[in-house]
PDB file of N, CA and C in Angstrom:
ATOM      1  N   MET A   1     119.346-109.869 161.508  1.00  0.00           N
ATOM      2  CA  MET A   1     119.934-109.387 160.283  1.00  0.00           C
ATOM      3  C   MET A   1     121.126-108.484 160.580  1.00  0.00           C
ATOM      4  N   GLU A   2     121.014-107.657 161.603  1.00  0.00           N
ATOM      5  CA  GLU A   2     122.118-106.757 161.947  1.00  0.00           C
ATOM      6  C   GLU A   2     123.363-107.543 162.343  1.00  0.00           C
ATOM      7  N   LEU A   3     123.172-108.604 163.109  1.00  0.00           N
ATOM      8  CA  LEU A   3     124.304-109.429 163.529  1.00  0.00           C
ATOM      9  C   LEU A   3     124.938-110.128 162.321  1.00  0.00           C
ATOM     10  N   LEU A   4     124.121-110.650 161.436  1.00  0.00           N
ATOM     11  CA  LEU A   4     124.637-111.307 160.233  1.00  0.00           C
ATOM     12  C   LEU A   4     125.439-110.322 159.393  1.00  0.00           C
ATOM     13  N   LYS A   5     124.909-109.129 159.204  1.00  0.00           N
ATOM     14  CA  LYS A   5     125.595-108.105 158.408  1.00  0.00           C
ATOM     15  C   LYS A   5     126.926-107.719 159.047  1.00  0.00           C
ATOM     16  N   ALA A   6     126.916-107.486 160.364  1.00  0.00           N
ATOM     17  CA  ALA A   6     128.145-107.098 161.068  1.00  0.00           C
ATOM     18  C   ALA A   6     129.185-108.210 161.000  1.00  0.00           C
ATOM     19  N   ALA A   7     128.745-109.447 161.202  1.00  0.00           N
ATOM     20  CA  ALA A   7     129.669-110.583 161.139  1.00  0.00           C
ATOM     21  C   ALA A   7     130.256-110.706 159.732  1.00  0.00           C
ATOM     22  N   HIS A   8     129.424-110.560 158.729  1.00  0.00           N
ATOM     23  CA  HIS A   8     129.877-110.637 157.336  1.00  0.00           C
ATOM     24  C   HIS A   8     130.955-109.592 157.067  1.00  0.00           C
ATOM     25  N   GLU A   9     130.700-108.365 157.485  1.00  0.00           N
ATOM     26  CA  GLU A   9     131.663-107.285 157.249  1.00  0.00           C
ATOM     27  C   GLU A   9     133.001-107.570 157.914  1.00  0.00           C
ATOM     28  N   GLU A  10     132.974-108.019 159.162  1.00  0.00           N
ATOM     29  CA  GLU A  10     134.216-108.291 159.891  1.00  0.00           C
ATOM     30  C   GLU A  10     134.966-109.480 159.297  1.00  0.00           C
ATOM     31  N   ILE A  11     134.239-110.525 158.978  1.00  0.00           N
ATOM     32  CA  ILE A  11     134.875-111.721 158.414  1.00  0.00           C
ATOM     33  C   ILE A  11     135.541-111.391 157.082  1.00  0.00           C
ATOM     34  N   LYS A  12     134.860-110.647 156.239  1.00  0.00           N
ATOM     35  CA  LYS A  12     135.413-110.306 154.925  1.00  0.00           C
ATOM     36  C   LYS A  12     136.584-109.325 155.038  1.00  0.00           C
ATOM     37  N   LYS A  13     136.605-108.505 156.101  1.00  0.00           N
ATOM     38  CA  LYS A  13     137.761-107.624 156.336  1.00  0.00           C
ATOM     39  C   LYS A  13     138.999-108.461 156.646  1.00  0.00           C
ATOM     40  N   ILE A  14     138.800-109.496 157.442  1.00  0.00           N
ATOM     41  CA  ILE A  14     139.907-110.364 157.841  1.00  0.00           C
ATOM     42  C   ILE A  14     140.452-111.124 156.636  1.00  0.00           C
ATOM     43  N   ASP A  15     139.542-111.717 155.868  1.00  0.00           N
ATOM     44  CA  ASP A  15     139.950-112.485 154.688  1.00  0.00           C
ATOM     45  C   ASP A  15     138.753-112.578 153.740  1.00  0.00           C
ATOM     46  N   PRO A  16     138.780-111.841 152.647  1.00  0.00           N
ATOM     47  CA  PRO A  16     137.660-111.862 151.711  1.00  0.00           C
ATOM     48  C   PRO A  16     137.342-113.250 151.147  1.00  0.00           C
ATOM     49  N   GLY A  17     138.282-114.169 151.241  1.00  0.00           N
ATOM     50  CA  GLY A  17     138.061-115.517 150.732  1.00  0.00           C
ATOM     51  C   GLY A  17     137.316-116.429 151.688  1.00  0.00           C
ATOM     52  N   LEU A  18     137.175-116.005 152.951  1.00  0.00           N
ATOM     53  CA  LEU A  18     136.445-116.825 153.915  1.00  0.00           C
ATOM     54  C   LEU A  18     134.965-116.864 153.563  1.00  0.00           C
ATOM     55  N   LYS A  19     134.327-117.976 153.858  1.00  0.00           N
ATOM     56  CA  LYS A  19     132.903-118.142 153.588  1.00  0.00           C
ATOM     57  C   LYS A  19     132.098-117.843 154.848  1.00  0.00           C
ATOM     58  N   VAL A  20     131.074-117.040 154.692  1.00  0.00           N
ATOM     59  CA  VAL A  20     130.145-116.747 155.783  1.00  0.00           C
ATOM     60  C   VAL A  20     128.958-117.686 155.617  1.00  0.00           C
ATOM     61  N   VAL A  21     128.613-118.375 156.698  1.00  0.00           N
ATOM     62  CA  VAL A  21     127.550-119.367 156.662  1.00  0.00           C
ATOM     63  C   VAL A  21     126.333-118.826 157.407  1.00  0.00           C
ATOM     64  N   PHE A  22     125.166-118.909 156.778  1.00  0.00           N
ATOM     65  CA  PHE A  22     123.908-118.514 157.413  1.00  0.00           C
ATOM     66  C   PHE A  22     123.703-119.394 158.633  1.00  0.00           C
ATOM     67  N   GLY A  23     123.218-118.839 159.719  1.00  0.00           N
ATOM     68  CA  GLY A  23     122.987-119.598 160.951  1.00  0.00           C
ATOM     69  C   GLY A  23     122.101-120.803 160.705  1.00  0.00           C
ATOM     70  N   GLY A  24     122.523-121.958 161.142  1.00  0.00           N
ATOM     71  CA  GLY A  24     121.787-123.193 160.893  1.00  0.00           C
ATOM     72  C   GLY A  24     120.423-123.201 161.549  1.00  0.00           C
ATOM     73  N   THR A  25     119.409-123.563 160.778  1.00  0.00           N
ATOM     74  CA  THR A  25     118.061-123.657 161.320  1.00  0.00           C
ATOM     75  C   THR A  25     117.730-125.112 161.603  1.00  0.00           C
ATOM     76  N   SER A  26     116.795-125.315 162.471  1.00  0.00           N
ATOM     77  CA  SER A  26     116.294-126.652 162.754  1.00  0.00           C
ATOM     78  C   SER A  26     115.134-126.906 161.797  1.00  0.00           C
ATOM     79  N   GLY A  27     115.328-127.835 160.907  1.00  0.00           N
ATOM     80  CA  GLY A  27     114.320-128.050 159.884  1.00  0.00           C
ATOM     81  C   GLY A  27     114.437-126.989 158.806  1.00  0.00           C
ATOM     82  N   VAL A  28     113.355-126.804 158.075  1.00  0.00           N
ATOM     83  CA  VAL A  28     113.330-125.810 157.004  1.00  0.00           C
ATOM     84  C   VAL A  28     112.163-124.862 157.288  1.00  0.00           C
ATOM     85  N   PRO A  29     112.380-123.882 158.176  1.00  0.00           N
ATOM     86  CA  PRO A  29     111.299-122.954 158.541  1.00  0.00           C
ATOM     87  C   PRO A  29     111.053-121.940 157.417  1.00  0.00           C
ATOM     88  N   VAL A  30     110.190-122.304 156.489  1.00  0.00           N
ATOM     89  CA  VAL A  30     109.991-121.539 155.262  1.00  0.00           C
ATOM     90  C   VAL A  30     109.628-120.083 155.544  1.00  0.00           C
ATOM     91  N   ALA A  31     108.701-119.827 156.460  1.00  0.00           N
ATOM     92  CA  ALA A  31     108.274-118.444 156.735  1.00  0.00           C
ATOM     93  C   ALA A  31     109.443-117.608 157.246  1.00  0.00           C
ATOM     94  N   TYR A  32     110.243-118.172 158.145  1.00  0.00           N
ATOM     95  CA  TYR A  32     111.403-117.453 158.684  1.00  0.00           C
ATOM     96  C   TYR A  32     112.437-117.196 157.588  1.00  0.00           C
ATOM     97  N   LEU A  33     112.729-118.209 156.799  1.00  0.00           N
ATOM     98  CA  LEU A  33     113.715-118.056 155.730  1.00  0.00           C
ATOM     99  C   LEU A  33     113.245-117.038 154.697  1.00  0.00           C
ATOM    100  N   GLU A  34     111.955-117.045 154.397  1.00  0.00           N
ATOM    101  CA  GLU A  34     111.446-116.057 153.443  1.00  0.00           C
ATOM    102  C   GLU A  34     111.583-114.647 154.010  1.00  0.00           C
ATOM    103  N   LYS A  35     111.286-114.486 155.280  1.00  0.00           N
ATOM    104  CA  LYS A  35     111.435-113.169 155.914  1.00  0.00           C
ATOM    105  C   LYS A  35     112.890-112.691 155.806  1.00  0.00           C
ATOM    106  N   CYS A  36     113.827-113.583 156.068  1.00  0.00           N
ATOM    107  CA  CYS A  36     115.251-113.231 155.994  1.00  0.00           C
ATOM    108  C   CYS A  36     115.667-112.875 154.571  1.00  0.00           C
ATOM    109  N   LEU A  37     115.266-113.693 153.615  1.00  0.00           N
ATOM    110  CA  LEU A  37     115.654-113.443 152.227  1.00  0.00           C
ATOM    111  C   LEU A  37     115.005-112.168 151.695  1.00  0.00           C
ATOM    112  N   LYS A  38     113.764-111.949 152.068  1.00  0.00           N
ATOM    113  CA  LYS A  38     113.063-110.735 151.642  1.00  0.00           C
ATOM    114  C   LYS A  38     113.763-109.486 152.177  1.00  0.00           C
ATOM    115  N   ALA A  39     114.337-109.599 153.372  1.00  0.00           N
ATOM    116  CA  ALA A  39     115.041-108.472 154.001  1.00  0.00           C
ATOM    117  C   ALA A  39     116.459-108.288 153.460  1.00  0.00           C
ATOM    118  N   GLY A  40     116.900-109.179 152.567  1.00  0.00           N
ATOM    119  CA  GLY A  40     118.213-109.023 151.958  1.00  0.00           C
ATOM    120  C   GLY A  40     119.333-109.801 152.607  1.00  0.00           C
ATOM    121  N   ALA A  41     119.000-110.793 153.411  1.00  0.00           N
ATOM    122  CA  ALA A  41     120.024-111.568 154.112  1.00  0.00           C
ATOM    123  C   ALA A  41     121.034-112.209 153.170  1.00  0.00           C
ATOM    124  N   ALA A  42     120.614-112.544 151.964  1.00  0.00           N
ATOM    125  CA  ALA A  42     121.516-113.237 151.031  1.00  0.00           C
ATOM    126  C   ALA A  42     122.734-112.404 150.663  1.00  0.00           C
ATOM    127  N   ASP A  43     122.664-111.105 150.900  1.00  0.00           N
ATOM    128  CA  ASP A  43     123.826-110.249 150.633  1.00  0.00           C
ATOM    129  C   ASP A  43     124.937-110.459 151.657  1.00  0.00           C
ATOM    130  N   PHE A  44     124.623-111.159 152.753  1.00  0.00           N
ATOM    131  CA  PHE A  44     125.562-111.237 153.865  1.00  0.00           C
ATOM    132  C   PHE A  44     125.979-112.656 154.240  1.00  0.00           C
ATOM    133  N   TYR A  45     125.736-113.621 153.373  1.00  0.00           N
ATOM    134  CA  TYR A  45     126.258-114.973 153.601  1.00  0.00           C
ATOM    135  C   TYR A  45     126.611-115.600 152.265  1.00  0.00           C
ATOM    136  N   ASP A  46     127.461-116.622 152.333  1.00  0.00           N
ATOM    137  CA  ASP A  46     127.906-117.325 151.128  1.00  0.00           C
ATOM    138  C   ASP A  46     127.303-118.719 151.008  1.00  0.00           C
ATOM    139  N   VAL A  47     126.934-119.301 152.144  1.00  0.00           N
ATOM    140  CA  VAL A  47     126.414-120.667 152.182  1.00  0.00           C
ATOM    141  C   VAL A  47     125.208-120.704 153.112  1.00  0.00           C
ATOM    142  N   MET A  48     124.104-121.297 152.635  1.00  0.00           N
ATOM    143  CA  MET A  48     122.918-121.483 153.480  1.00  0.00           C
ATOM    144  C   MET A  48     123.132-122.738 154.321  1.00  0.00           C
ATOM    145  N   ASN A  49     122.857-122.640 155.611  1.00  0.00           N
ATOM    146  CA  ASN A  49     123.072-123.758 156.525  1.00  0.00           C
ATOM    147  C   ASN A  49     121.758-124.094 157.211  1.00  0.00           C
ATOM    148  N   ILE A  50     121.252-125.291 156.955  1.00  0.00           N
ATOM    149  CA  ILE A  50     120.049-125.760 157.633  1.00  0.00           C
ATOM    150  C   ILE A  50     120.288-127.194 158.096  1.00  0.00           C
ATOM    151  N   HIS A  51     119.450-127.635 159.004  1.00  0.00           N
ATOM    152  CA  HIS A  51     119.519-129.004 159.513  1.00  0.00           C
ATOM    153  C   HIS A  51     118.166-129.660 159.227  1.00  0.00           C
ATOM    154  N   PRO A  52     118.021-130.315 158.084  1.00  0.00           N
ATOM    155  CA  PRO A  52     116.730-130.898 157.704  1.00  0.00           C
ATOM    156  C   PRO A  52     116.507-132.254 158.362  1.00  0.00           C
ATOM    157  N   TYR A  53     116.181-132.234 159.641  1.00  0.00           N
ATOM    158  CA  TYR A  53     115.983-133.486 160.366  1.00  0.00           C
ATOM    159  C   TYR A  53     114.880-134.312 159.719  1.00  0.00           C
ATOM    160  N   LEU A  54     115.140-135.595 159.548  1.00  0.00           N
ATOM    161  CA  LEU A  54     114.199-136.469 158.863  1.00  0.00           C
ATOM    162  C   LEU A  54     113.260-137.206 159.805  1.00  0.00           C
ATOM    163  N   ASN A  55     113.642-137.367 161.059  1.00  0.00           N
ATOM    164  CA  ASN A  55     112.768-138.025 162.034  1.00  0.00           C
ATOM    165  C   ASN A  55     112.133-139.309 161.504  1.00  0.00           C
ATOM    166  N   ARG A  56     112.957-140.293 161.287  1.00  0.00           N
ATOM    167  CA  ARG A  56     112.541-141.635 160.866  1.00  0.00           C
ATOM    168  C   ARG A  56     112.001-141.706 159.441  1.00  0.00           C
ATOM    169  N   ARG A  57     112.297-140.741 158.641  1.00  0.00           N
ATOM    170  CA  ARG A  57     111.911-140.807 157.229  1.00  0.00           C
ATOM    171  C   ARG A  57     113.081-141.371 156.429  1.00  0.00           C
ATOM    172  N   GLU A  58     112.799-141.741 155.220  1.00  0.00           N
ATOM    173  CA  GLU A  58     113.833-142.251 154.328  1.00  0.00           C
ATOM    174  C   GLU A  58     114.766-141.111 153.928  1.00  0.00           C
ATOM    175  N   PRO A  59     116.070-141.373 153.799  1.00  0.00           N
ATOM    176  CA  PRO A  59     117.020-140.318 153.438  1.00  0.00           C
ATOM    177  C   PRO A  59     116.654-139.567 152.157  1.00  0.00           C
ATOM    178  N   GLU A  60     116.037-140.263 151.222  1.00  0.00           N
ATOM    179  CA  GLU A  60     115.675-139.627 149.959  1.00  0.00           C
ATOM    180  C   GLU A  60     114.660-138.503 150.148  1.00  0.00           C
ATOM    181  N   GLU A  61     113.938-138.529 151.259  1.00  0.00           N
ATOM    182  CA  GLU A  61     112.902-137.531 151.510  1.00  0.00           C
ATOM    183  C   GLU A  61     113.464-136.160 151.854  1.00  0.00           C
ATOM    184  N   VAL A  62     114.768-136.090 152.063  1.00  0.00           N
ATOM    185  CA  VAL A  62     115.365-134.795 152.385  1.00  0.00           C
ATOM    186  C   VAL A  62     115.095-133.786 151.276  1.00  0.00           C
ATOM    187  N   PHE A  63     115.019-134.239 150.040  1.00  0.00           N
ATOM    188  CA  PHE A  63     114.785-133.315 148.930  1.00  0.00           C
ATOM    189  C   PHE A  63     113.385-132.712 148.982  1.00  0.00           C
ATOM    190  N   LYS A  64     112.416-133.465 149.503  1.00  0.00           N
ATOM    191  CA  LYS A  64     111.071-132.912 149.676  1.00  0.00           C
ATOM    192  C   LYS A  64     111.100-131.767 150.682  1.00  0.00           C
ATOM    193  N   LEU A  65     111.947-131.912 151.696  1.00  0.00           N
ATOM    194  CA  LEU A  65     112.072-130.849 152.697  1.00  0.00           C
ATOM    195  C   LEU A  65     112.817-129.642 152.140  1.00  0.00           C
ATOM    196  N   LEU A  66     113.775-129.888 151.267  1.00  0.00           N
ATOM    197  CA  LEU A  66     114.604-128.807 150.739  1.00  0.00           C
ATOM    198  C   LEU A  66     113.977-128.055 149.570  1.00  0.00           C
ATOM    199  N   ASN A  67     113.058-128.673 148.858  1.00  0.00           N
ATOM    200  CA  ASN A  67     112.480-128.016 147.686  1.00  0.00           C
ATOM    201  C   ASN A  67     111.884-126.646 147.985  1.00  0.00           C
ATOM    202  N   PRO A  68     111.153-126.450 149.095  1.00  0.00           N
ATOM    203  CA  PRO A  68     110.649-125.106 149.388  1.00  0.00           C
ATOM    204  C   PRO A  68     111.777-124.083 149.576  1.00  0.00           C
ATOM    205  N   LEU A  69     112.891-124.513 150.142  1.00  0.00           N
ATOM    206  CA  LEU A  69     114.041-123.617 150.287  1.00  0.00           C
ATOM    207  C   LEU A  69     114.594-123.247 148.915  1.00  0.00           C
ATOM    208  N   PHE A  70     114.744-124.230 148.048  1.00  0.00           N
ATOM    209  CA  PHE A  70     115.254-123.953 146.703  1.00  0.00           C
ATOM    210  C   PHE A  70     114.336-122.987 145.956  1.00  0.00           C
ATOM    211  N   GLU A  71     113.028-123.139 146.148  1.00  0.00           N
ATOM    212  CA  GLU A  71     112.068-122.234 145.508  1.00  0.00           C
ATOM    213  C   GLU A  71     112.233-120.811 146.036  1.00  0.00           C
ATOM    214  N   LEU A  72     112.436-120.674 147.347  1.00  0.00           N
ATOM    215  CA  LEU A  72     112.668-119.346 147.926  1.00  0.00           C
ATOM    216  C   LEU A  72     113.950-118.734 147.384  1.00  0.00           C
ATOM    217  N   GLN A  73     114.985-119.545 147.281  1.00  0.00           N
ATOM    218  CA  GLN A  73     116.248-119.033 146.762  1.00  0.00           C
ATOM    219  C   GLN A  73     116.062-118.485 145.344  1.00  0.00           C
ATOM    220  N   LYS A  74     115.306-119.182 144.533  1.00  0.00           N
ATOM    221  CA  LYS A  74     115.048-118.699 143.172  1.00  0.00           C
ATOM    222  C   LYS A  74     114.232-117.414 143.207  1.00  0.00           C
ATOM    223  N   LYS A  75     113.189-117.409 144.024  1.00  0.00           N
ATOM    224  CA  LYS A  75     112.294-116.249 144.116  1.00  0.00           C
ATOM    225  C   LYS A  75     113.056-114.980 144.470  1.00  0.00           C
ATOM    226  N   TYR A  76     114.009-115.092 145.401  1.00  0.00           N
ATOM    227  CA  TYR A  76     114.747-113.917 145.876  1.00  0.00           C
ATOM    228  C   TYR A  76     116.138-113.805 145.243  1.00  0.00           C
ATOM    229  N   LYS A  77     116.359-114.561 144.176  1.00  0.00           N
ATOM    230  CA  LYS A  77     117.653-114.534 143.476  1.00  0.00           C
ATOM    231  C   LYS A  77     118.809-114.710 144.466  1.00  0.00           C
ATOM    232  N   ALA A  78     118.644-115.702 145.319  1.00  0.00           N
ATOM    233  CA  ALA A  78     119.609-115.977 146.383  1.00  0.00           C
ATOM    234  C   ALA A  78     120.100-117.412 146.293  1.00  0.00           C
ATOM    235  N   GLU A  79     120.341-117.892 145.077  1.00  0.00           N
ATOM    236  CA  GLU A  79     120.744-119.277 144.881  1.00  0.00           C
ATOM    237  C   GLU A  79     122.206-119.452 145.264  1.00  0.00           C
ATOM    238  N   LYS A  80     122.389-120.006 146.439  1.00  0.00           N
ATOM    239  CA  LYS A  80     123.727-120.237 146.990  1.00  0.00           C
ATOM    240  C   LYS A  80     123.812-121.681 147.464  1.00  0.00           C
ATOM    241  N   PRO A  81     125.015-122.174 147.691  1.00  0.00           N
ATOM    242  CA  PRO A  81     125.141-123.553 148.182  1.00  0.00           C
ATOM    243  C   PRO A  81     124.405-123.751 149.505  1.00  0.00           C
ATOM    244  N   VAL A  82     123.883-124.969 149.668  1.00  0.00           N
ATOM    245  CA  VAL A  82     123.181-125.336 150.906  1.00  0.00           C
ATOM    246  C   VAL A  82     123.988-126.415 151.578  1.00  0.00           C
TER     247      VAL A  82
END
């Protein structure tokens, strides 16, 4: 969280219009993402970045993987682009 906050501050000093992207996760680690959002991480990024690997699943199944993330975003009022 400290690194994200520091990076956000420096990036916005350089150009407030630049987008800060949350560090990409492998899959959708709900417990980790909830810990981050609960700690206030959403104040320090503009776009959530995850890698929802499907591992031989149908492309449409990506939404099943993302729904828990969307629920967390609503819970913590952190609804930002993914």
